[in-house]
Amino acid sequence: MLIKLNAGPTTRAEIMWLVDIFRAKIVDIAEHSLTIEVTGDPGKMVAVLRNLAKFGFKEIARTGKIALRREKMGETAPFWRFSAASYPDLESAVTVNGAVEKKSHSPDIDSISSSGDVYPVEPYEDYMLNQVLDAHWGVLYDEDSTGVRSHTLCMIVNDHPGVLNLITGVISRRGYNIQSLAVGPAELEGRSRITTVVPGTDDSIAKLVQQLSKLIGLHEVRDISHLPFAERELMLIKVSVNPAARRDVLDIANIFRAKAVDVSDHTITLELTGDLNKMVALQKLLEPYGICEVARTGRVALVRESGVDSEYLRGYPLPL
């Protein structure tokens, strides 16, 4: 969740104190406002909003909830065989008629059992090379010669059933692909904020914005792609590890400021927030260890009141 709230000189110290309590992050500072990034369960979100409400909200952008099931311990866990195939030292010794026999856990799809919304990894011959979807899926770069680039659209709509269907219908009927979509309650009661990423040229997206603005129940729509804005995305990633590799994975997580939210004897689940490039970089680094599952939210974005565009600062040395 991104929260932009009023912050004068007399209230800024109290806001920073609350930010530390809820382990939130400051992503933008302006003269009369602060933009805060906070992640957690719905109870934490409610507590944050209640404590910050007295300062006055300017804008709120929220993603939907994502979840990965916590892994069970031992060989009955859904991803045990996948992990054992990646790390042979997870093979256990099984006694058969008094003799010790090595039990190999090769990924046999017929013998893997799963329940709920967790599914085993299919045993392709090159499963170590291509286990998940391309992390760059849906990415368009500004240097595209056709002029097509990703555009971030922010909309304020009534919190009524069917509004999202109307908006996605307009986008799909005109042949646009939705790369990312995030919906959550806005700063005003009875309103929701929709943040979506759509590819297209500047002219085609301008026409799309005009069409969307005609919809009933939509109060505001803006293309903020050419404005300085802060964007965030949340990712949960479950990685296959053994005790020897766990330290290496945690070291990589610390570099990216990711948090471990679940640990079993053969997997570790990490939580990461940041922009798209950060998600892609971490996923690429963890692929050699074996990625079991990935869950990502859509991107949320708010315009930076400070006017600082951090995208143009990347790759350039800061003045000393």
Protein backbone atom coordinates (compact mmCIF):
# COMPACT_ATOMS: atom_id res chain seq x y z
CA MET A 1 0.00 0.00 0.00
CA LEU A 2 1.17 3.53 -0.87
CA ILE A 3 -0.18 6.37 1.29
CA LYS A 4 0.28 10.05 0.51
CA LEU A 5 -0.68 12.19 3.51
CA ASN A 6 -0.37 15.75 4.74
CA ALA A 7 2.80 16.33 6.73
CA GLY A 8 3.65 19.77 8.03
CA PRO A 9 6.72 20.73 10.06
CA THR A 10 4.85 20.19 13.35
CA THR A 11 3.47 16.73 12.51
CA ARG A 12 6.35 15.20 10.54
CA ALA A 13 8.18 13.90 13.63
CA GLU A 14 5.09 12.02 14.86
CA ILE A 15 4.51 10.55 11.42
CA MET A 16 8.10 9.31 11.24
CA TRP A 17 7.65 7.72 14.67
CA LEU A 18 4.57 5.83 13.45
CA VAL A 19 6.43 4.79 10.30
CA ASP A 20 9.12 3.16 12.44
CA ILE A 21 6.53 1.38 14.61
CA PHE A 22 4.77 -0.19 11.62
CA ARG A 23 8.07 -0.89 9.79
CA ALA A 24 6.97 1.20 6.84
CA LYS A 25 9.22 3.10 4.41
CA ILE A 26 9.30 6.69 3.20
CA VAL A 27 9.41 6.75 -0.61
CA ASP A 28 8.87 10.48 -1.24
CA ILE A 29 9.16 13.68 0.81
CA ALA A 30 7.72 17.02 -0.24
CA GLU A 31 7.28 20.29 1.60
CA HIS A 32 3.75 19.53 2.78
CA SER A 33 3.34 15.78 2.20
CA LEU A 34 4.92 12.36 2.71
CA THR A 35 4.44 9.18 0.68
CA ILE A 36 4.70 5.97 2.69
CA GLU A 37 5.03 2.34 1.59
CA VAL A 38 3.69 -0.34 3.95
CA THR A 39 3.13 -4.08 3.51
CA GLY A 40 1.45 -6.64 5.74
CA ASP A 41 -1.81 -8.41 6.51
CA PRO A 42 -5.22 -6.67 6.44
CA GLY A 43 -5.15 -6.09 10.20
CA LYS A 44 -1.91 -4.15 9.91
CA MET A 45 -3.33 -2.08 7.04
CA VAL A 46 -6.36 -1.11 9.13
CA ALA A 47 -4.17 -0.16 12.09
CA VAL A 48 -1.92 1.99 9.89
CA LEU A 49 -4.86 3.82 8.33
CA ARG A 50 -6.49 4.47 11.71
CA ASN A 51 -3.31 5.92 13.21
CA LEU A 52 -2.54 8.11 10.20
CA ALA A 53 -6.10 9.29 9.53
CA LYS A 54 -5.75 12.31 11.83
CA PHE A 55 -3.10 13.82 9.55
CA GLY A 56 -5.34 13.71 6.48
CA PHE A 57 -4.93 11.46 3.45
CA LYS A 58 -4.27 12.91 0.02
CA GLU A 59 -4.11 9.66 -1.96
CA ILE A 60 -4.10 5.91 -1.23
CA ALA A 61 -3.14 3.10 -3.63
CA ARG A 62 -3.57 -0.52 -2.55
CA THR A 63 -2.90 -3.88 -4.18
CA GLY A 64 -4.92 -7.02 -3.73
CA LYS A 65 -3.83 -9.81 -1.41
CA ILE A 66 -1.51 -12.58 -2.56
CA ALA A 67 -0.67 -15.77 -0.69
CA LEU A 68 1.55 -18.85 -0.83
CA ARG A 69 0.82 -21.83 1.40
CA ARG A 70 3.33 -22.40 4.19
CA GLU A 71 5.37 -25.51 3.50
CA LYS A 72 5.02 -28.61 5.65
CA MET A 73 8.13 -30.29 7.01
CA GLY A 74 9.45 -33.58 5.70
CA GLU A 75 8.81 -35.78 2.72
CA THR A 76 5.02 -35.29 2.73
CA ALA A 77 5.41 -31.65 1.66
CA PRO A 78 4.27 -30.90 -1.93
CA PHE A 79 7.68 -29.64 -3.10
CA TRP A 80 9.89 -32.13 -1.26
CA ARG A 81 10.61 -34.25 -4.33
CA PHE A 82 11.39 -31.17 -6.40
CA SER A 83 13.78 -29.94 -3.71
CA ALA A 84 15.38 -33.35 -3.27
CA ALA A 85 16.04 -33.53 -7.00
CA SER A 86 17.73 -30.12 -6.86
CA TYR A 87 19.78 -31.04 -3.79
CA PRO A 88 20.73 -34.76 -3.63
CA ASP A 89 21.78 -34.46 0.03
CA LEU A 90 18.06 -34.30 0.92
CA GLU A 91 17.79 -37.98 0.03
CA SER A 92 17.08 -40.03 3.10
CA ALA A 93 18.28 -43.47 4.07
CA VAL A 94 15.43 -45.99 4.30
CA THR A 95 15.82 -49.37 6.01
CA VAL A 96 14.64 -52.32 3.90
CA ASN A 97 14.93 -55.81 5.50
CA GLY A 98 17.64 -54.61 7.84
CA ALA A 99 19.73 -53.09 5.07
CA VAL A 100 20.18 -49.38 4.51
CA GLU A 101 19.05 -48.34 1.06
CA LYS A 102 19.38 -44.85 -0.43
CA LYS A 103 16.00 -43.48 -1.43
CA SER A 104 16.15 -41.14 -4.41
CA HIS A 105 13.50 -38.47 -4.77
CA SER A 106 13.38 -37.94 -8.51
CA PRO A 107 10.44 -35.80 -9.61
CA ASP A 108 7.84 -38.42 -10.60
CA ILE A 109 4.59 -36.66 -11.47
CA ASP A 110 2.49 -39.77 -10.80
CA SER A 111 3.70 -40.07 -7.23
CA ILE A 112 3.46 -36.42 -6.24
CA SER A 113 0.41 -35.48 -4.22
CA SER A 114 -0.83 -31.99 -3.56
CA SER A 115 -3.85 -30.33 -2.07
CA GLY A 116 -5.40 -26.88 -2.03
CA ASP A 117 -3.94 -24.37 -4.48
CA VAL A 118 -0.41 -25.76 -4.49
CA TYR A 119 0.66 -27.85 -7.47
CA PRO A 120 3.86 -29.83 -8.10
CA VAL A 121 6.44 -28.74 -10.63
CA GLU A 122 6.20 -30.83 -13.79
CA PRO A 123 9.31 -32.97 -14.41
CA TYR A 124 10.59 -31.59 -17.70
CA GLU A 125 14.08 -32.70 -18.68
CA ASP A 126 15.33 -29.09 -18.55
CA TYR A 127 13.32 -28.11 -15.49
CA MET A 128 16.41 -26.58 -13.86
CA LEU A 129 16.73 -24.13 -16.76
CA ASN A 130 13.11 -23.05 -17.21
CA GLN A 131 11.04 -23.50 -14.07
CA VAL A 132 8.89 -20.37 -14.09
CA LEU A 133 7.53 -17.81 -16.51
CA ASP A 134 9.96 -15.27 -17.87
CA ALA A 135 10.47 -12.62 -15.23
CA HIS A 136 10.51 -9.96 -17.97
CA TRP A 137 7.03 -10.92 -19.22
CA GLY A 138 5.08 -7.87 -20.36
CA VAL A 139 8.02 -5.47 -20.16
CA LEU A 140 8.28 -2.78 -22.83
CA TYR A 141 11.24 -0.47 -22.96
CA ASP A 142 11.26 3.22 -23.80
CA GLU A 143 13.78 2.74 -26.60
CA ASP A 144 11.28 0.67 -28.61
CA SER A 145 11.54 1.99 -32.18
CA THR A 146 7.78 1.71 -32.75
CA GLY A 147 7.00 4.21 -29.99
CA VAL A 148 5.11 1.61 -27.95
CA ARG A 149 5.84 1.75 -24.24
CA SER A 150 4.17 0.85 -20.97
CA HIS A 151 1.75 3.48 -19.69
CA THR A 152 0.57 3.65 -16.08
CA LEU A 153 -3.06 4.72 -15.70
CA CYS A 154 -4.63 5.73 -12.37
CA MET A 155 -8.42 5.78 -12.02
CA ILE A 156 -10.85 6.70 -9.24
CA VAL A 157 -14.14 4.79 -9.54
CA ASN A 158 -17.24 4.10 -7.50
CA ASP A 159 -16.93 1.05 -5.29
CA HIS A 160 -19.83 -0.75 -6.97
CA PRO A 161 -20.10 -4.21 -8.57
CA GLY A 162 -19.45 -4.26 -12.31
CA VAL A 163 -17.29 -1.13 -12.57
CA LEU A 164 -14.08 -3.10 -13.10
CA ASN A 165 -15.79 -5.16 -15.80
CA LEU A 166 -16.75 -1.99 -17.68
CA ILE A 167 -13.21 -0.64 -17.58
CA THR A 168 -11.52 -3.87 -18.67
CA GLY A 169 -14.17 -4.24 -21.38
CA VAL A 170 -13.27 -0.86 -22.89
CA ILE A 171 -9.57 -1.75 -22.84
CA SER A 172 -10.00 -5.24 -24.33
CA ARG A 173 -12.48 -4.16 -27.07
CA ARG A 174 -9.87 -1.75 -28.40
CA GLY A 175 -7.24 -4.45 -28.58
CA TYR A 176 -5.05 -3.37 -25.65
CA ASN A 177 -3.29 -5.84 -23.39
CA ILE A 178 -3.37 -5.29 -19.63
CA GLN A 179 0.12 -5.91 -18.27
CA SER A 180 -0.75 -5.18 -14.64
CA LEU A 181 -3.91 -4.42 -12.66
CA ALA A 182 -4.32 -3.46 -8.99
CA VAL A 183 -7.56 -2.44 -7.27
CA GLY A 184 -8.09 -1.26 -3.71
CA PRO A 185 -10.03 1.23 -1.56
CA ALA A 186 -9.17 4.87 -2.22
CA GLU A 187 -8.78 7.75 0.22
CA LEU A 188 -12.52 8.61 0.00
CA GLU A 189 -15.22 6.33 1.36
CA GLY A 190 -17.16 4.56 -1.36
CA ARG A 191 -14.40 5.04 -3.94
CA SER A 192 -11.74 2.65 -5.26
CA ARG A 193 -8.44 3.32 -6.99
CA ILE A 194 -7.49 1.26 -10.02
CA THR A 195 -3.88 1.26 -11.20
CA THR A 196 -3.24 -0.48 -14.51
CA VAL A 197 -0.31 -0.73 -16.90
CA VAL A 198 -1.22 -0.77 -20.60
CA PRO A 199 1.17 -0.82 -23.59
CA GLY A 200 0.72 1.62 -26.45
CA THR A 201 1.88 4.80 -28.09
CA ASP A 202 1.24 8.21 -26.55
CA ASP A 203 -1.50 8.98 -29.09
CA SER A 204 -3.31 5.67 -28.72
CA ILE A 205 -3.24 5.83 -24.92
CA ALA A 206 -4.55 9.42 -25.03
CA LYS A 207 -7.54 8.17 -27.06
CA LEU A 208 -8.03 5.32 -24.58
CA VAL A 209 -8.07 7.81 -21.69
CA GLN A 210 -10.74 9.83 -23.51
CA GLN A 211 -12.89 6.73 -23.94
CA LEU A 212 -12.49 5.74 -20.30
CA SER A 213 -13.42 9.20 -19.07
CA LYS A 214 -16.88 8.78 -20.65
CA LEU A 215 -17.75 5.81 -18.44
CA ILE A 216 -20.39 6.23 -15.75
CA GLY A 217 -18.97 5.66 -12.29
CA LEU A 218 -15.43 6.73 -13.21
CA HIS A 219 -14.52 10.03 -11.54
CA GLU A 220 -10.94 10.48 -12.67
CA VAL A 221 -8.46 8.85 -15.04
CA ARG A 222 -4.86 9.99 -15.57
CA ASP A 223 -1.86 8.76 -17.50
CA ILE A 224 1.02 9.44 -15.11
CA SER A 225 3.71 7.84 -17.26
CA HIS A 226 5.35 11.18 -18.08
CA LEU A 227 5.21 12.44 -14.49
CA PRO A 228 7.58 11.60 -11.63
CA PHE A 229 5.84 8.81 -9.73
CA ALA A 230 6.63 6.17 -7.13
CA GLU A 231 5.63 2.63 -8.07
CA ARG A 232 5.71 -0.48 -5.94
CA GLU A 233 4.90 -4.16 -6.38
CA LEU A 234 4.82 -7.02 -3.89
CA MET A 235 6.21 -10.48 -4.65
CA LEU A 236 6.20 -13.73 -2.69
CA ILE A 237 8.71 -16.27 -3.99
CA LYS A 238 9.23 -19.80 -2.69
CA VAL A 239 12.74 -21.17 -3.33
CA SER A 240 14.03 -24.72 -3.08
CA VAL A 241 16.95 -24.84 -0.61
CA ASN A 242 18.83 -27.27 1.58
CA PRO A 243 20.56 -26.30 4.85
CA ALA A 244 23.84 -25.58 3.02
CA ALA A 245 22.24 -23.28 0.42
CA ARG A 246 19.90 -21.50 2.84
CA ARG A 247 22.62 -19.10 3.99
CA ASP A 248 23.40 -18.11 0.40
CA VAL A 249 19.73 -17.43 -0.37
CA LEU A 250 19.35 -15.33 2.79
CA ASP A 251 22.45 -13.33 1.85
CA ILE A 252 20.93 -12.57 -1.55
CA ALA A 253 17.66 -11.62 0.16
CA ASN A 254 19.47 -9.18 2.46
CA ILE A 255 21.04 -7.42 -0.53
CA PHE A 256 17.58 -6.86 -2.00
CA ARG A 257 16.07 -6.06 1.43
CA ALA A 258 13.71 -9.00 1.11
CA LYS A 259 12.23 -10.69 4.18
CA ALA A 260 11.91 -14.39 4.95
CA VAL A 261 8.27 -15.13 5.85
CA ASP A 262 8.40 -18.93 5.96
CA VAL A 263 11.15 -21.56 6.31
CA SER A 264 10.95 -25.35 6.07
CA ASP A 265 13.65 -28.01 5.86
CA HIS A 266 13.63 -27.82 2.04
CA THR A 267 12.18 -24.41 1.06
CA ILE A 268 12.24 -20.76 2.03
CA THR A 269 9.61 -18.13 1.15
CA LEU A 270 10.72 -14.53 0.65
CA GLU A 271 8.72 -11.30 0.54
CA LEU A 272 10.01 -8.46 -1.64
CA THR A 273 8.65 -5.01 -2.45
CA GLY A 274 9.99 -2.66 -5.10
CA ASP A 275 9.77 -1.78 -8.77
CA LEU A 276 9.72 -4.20 -11.69
CA ASN A 277 13.49 -4.18 -12.26
CA LYS A 278 14.10 -5.22 -8.65
CA MET A 279 11.66 -8.12 -8.96
CA VAL A 280 13.28 -9.33 -12.16
CA ALA A 281 16.81 -9.12 -10.75
CA LEU A 282 15.99 -11.16 -7.62
CA GLN A 283 14.05 -13.78 -9.56
CA LYS A 284 16.93 -14.24 -12.01
CA LEU A 285 19.44 -14.68 -9.18
CA LEU A 286 17.28 -17.28 -7.41
CA GLU A 287 16.44 -19.38 -10.47
CA PRO A 288 19.61 -21.57 -10.20
CA TYR A 289 18.48 -22.70 -6.73
CA GLY A 290 15.07 -23.80 -8.02
CA ILE A 291 11.93 -21.65 -7.81
CA CYS A 292 8.85 -23.54 -6.62
CA GLU A 293 6.19 -20.81 -6.72
CA VAL A 294 5.90 -17.09 -7.47
CA ALA A 295 3.01 -14.76 -6.57
CA ARG A 296 3.06 -11.10 -7.58
CA THR A 297 0.60 -8.27 -7.13
CA GLY A 298 -0.10 -5.63 -9.70
CA ARG A 299 1.82 -2.39 -9.58
CA VAL A 300 0.52 0.59 -7.61
CA ALA A 301 1.75 4.12 -8.23
CA LEU A 302 1.34 7.65 -6.86
CA VAL A 303 2.71 10.87 -8.31
CA ARG A 304 5.74 12.20 -6.41
CA GLU A 305 4.87 15.55 -4.86
CA SER A 306 8.59 16.34 -4.59
CA GLY A 307 8.90 16.32 -8.38
CA VAL A 308 12.00 14.11 -8.21
CA ASP A 309 12.05 11.45 -10.93
CA SER A 310 14.23 8.66 -9.53
CA GLU A 311 14.19 6.80 -12.85
CA TYR A 312 16.55 9.34 -14.39
CA LEU A 313 18.92 9.14 -11.41
CA ARG A 314 19.74 5.46 -11.98
CA GLY A 315 23.14 4.87 -13.48
CA TYR A 316 24.42 8.35 -12.67
CA PRO A 317 26.75 9.15 -9.76
CA LEU A 318 25.24 11.34 -7.10
CA PRO A 319 27.12 14.55 -6.22
CA LEU A 320 29.28 14.29 -3.12
